[in-house]
Protein backbone atom coordinates (compact mmCIF):
# COMPACT_ATOMS: atom_id res chain seq x y z
CA MET A 1 167.80 156.54 77.58
CA TYR A 2 164.62 154.62 76.93
CA GLU A 3 161.71 155.55 79.29
CA LYS A 4 158.96 152.93 79.40
CA GLN A 5 155.31 154.20 80.06
CA ARG A 6 153.15 152.76 82.72
CA LEU A 7 150.13 151.61 80.71
CA TYR A 8 146.62 151.63 82.45
CA LEU A 9 144.40 149.96 79.77
CA ARG A 10 145.26 147.07 77.47
CA LEU A 11 143.40 146.14 74.18
CA GLY A 12 139.98 144.25 75.11
CA ASP A 13 139.60 145.60 78.59
CA GLN A 14 136.15 146.64 79.48
CA VAL A 15 135.60 150.01 81.27
CA VAL A 16 133.38 152.36 82.51
CA HIS A 17 133.44 155.95 83.17
CA LEU A 18 132.55 157.15 86.58
CA ASN A 19 131.47 160.90 85.46
CA TYR A 20 129.53 159.84 82.27
CA GLY A 21 127.23 156.90 83.24
CA GLN A 22 125.14 157.69 80.06
CA TRP A 23 127.80 156.53 78.03
CA GLY A 24 127.40 153.08 79.24
CA GLY A 25 130.06 150.47 79.30
CA GLY A 26 132.96 150.56 76.93
CA VAL A 27 135.55 148.31 75.42
CA VAL A 28 139.48 149.18 74.44
CA VAL A 29 139.53 148.71 70.62
CA GLU A 30 142.89 150.44 69.88
CA GLU A 31 146.10 150.99 71.67
CA MET A 32 148.44 153.50 70.39
CA THR A 33 151.87 153.71 72.13
CA SER A 34 154.76 155.92 71.03
CA ILE A 35 158.21 154.43 71.03
CA VAL A 36 159.66 158.15 71.43
CA VAL A 37 160.90 159.10 74.62
CA GLY A 38 158.12 161.45 76.20
CA GLY A 39 155.72 160.22 73.44
CA THR A 40 152.03 159.84 74.13
CA CYS A 41 150.18 156.64 74.69
CA LEU A 42 146.56 156.62 73.61
CA VAL A 43 143.59 154.11 73.82
CA ARG A 44 140.50 154.45 71.83
CA ILE A 45 137.44 153.01 73.64
CA LEU A 46 134.10 152.06 71.84
CA PHE A 47 131.15 152.98 74.43
CA GLU A 48 127.63 151.59 74.49
CA ASP A 49 126.50 154.84 73.03
CA GLY A 50 128.17 154.01 69.77
CA GLN A 51 130.92 156.84 70.08
CA GLN A 52 134.32 156.00 69.93
CA ARG A 53 136.58 158.00 72.52
CA THR A 54 140.38 158.59 72.74
CA PHE A 55 142.07 158.79 76.10
CA ASN A 56 145.70 159.30 77.39
CA ASN A 57 146.84 155.82 78.90
CA ASP A 58 150.20 156.74 80.60
CA LEU A 59 149.64 156.43 84.39
CA ASP A 60 152.78 158.65 84.84
CA SER A 61 150.88 161.53 83.26
CA ASP A 62 148.21 163.98 84.86
CA MET A 63 146.25 163.40 81.86
CA CYS A 64 145.76 159.76 82.29
CA CYS A 65 142.23 158.51 81.57
CA TYR A 66 142.34 157.00 85.13
CA TYR A 67 142.52 160.44 86.73
CA PHE A 68 139.58 161.46 84.55
CA GLY A 69 137.22 158.71 85.64
CA VAL A 70 137.91 155.72 83.42
CA ARG A 71 137.79 152.72 85.41
CA ARG A 72 138.21 148.88 84.41
CA HIS A 73 134.83 147.12 84.77
CA GLN A 74 136.51 144.18 86.40
CA HIS A 75 139.92 143.90 88.26
CA PRO A 76 142.22 141.95 85.89
CA LEU A 77 143.55 139.94 88.99
CA PHE A 78 140.13 138.77 89.69
CA ASP A 79 138.76 138.19 86.14
CA VAL A 80 138.23 134.39 85.71
CA ARG A 81 136.74 134.66 82.41
CA ARG A 82 139.72 135.51 80.50
CA PRO A 83 143.49 136.61 80.86
CA ARG A 84 144.50 139.99 79.75
CA ALA A 85 145.50 140.83 76.29
CA THR A 86 149.17 140.18 75.67
CA ARG A 87 151.31 141.95 73.23
CA SER A 88 152.56 139.97 70.34
CA ALA A 89 156.43 140.01 70.08
CA LYS A 90 157.44 141.11 66.54
CA ARG A 91 159.85 138.56 65.30
CA LEU A 92 162.19 139.33 62.36
CA THR A 93 163.23 136.47 60.32
CA LYS A 94 165.71 136.19 57.45
CA GLU A 95 164.54 134.51 54.54
C-alpha cells in the first residue's frame, strides 16, 4: 500500500527559523522525497548566514521542521509575487 507524505515546504519557499533569528532568512534549495513507504522527506535550506541546513519535511512526523520552528516567510495563499513551485511530471516516451 502506498502512503503519501504530507509535505510542508517546496522548492523555492522562503523561510525563517523562530528559534535562530541569527541565521537570517532562508530559501529551500533542494527537496528529497523517498518513494519507499515510511521513507524520509528532507529539505535543504540555504540561510543568509551562508550555511545549508537539512530538515525533515513530513508534516505527519514528529521530527518535521515545522515543529522545530521553521516557518514560511509568507503564506502561500496570500503570496501575490509568485505561485508555489510545482513538481514536474516525469514522462516516459518511446522512441
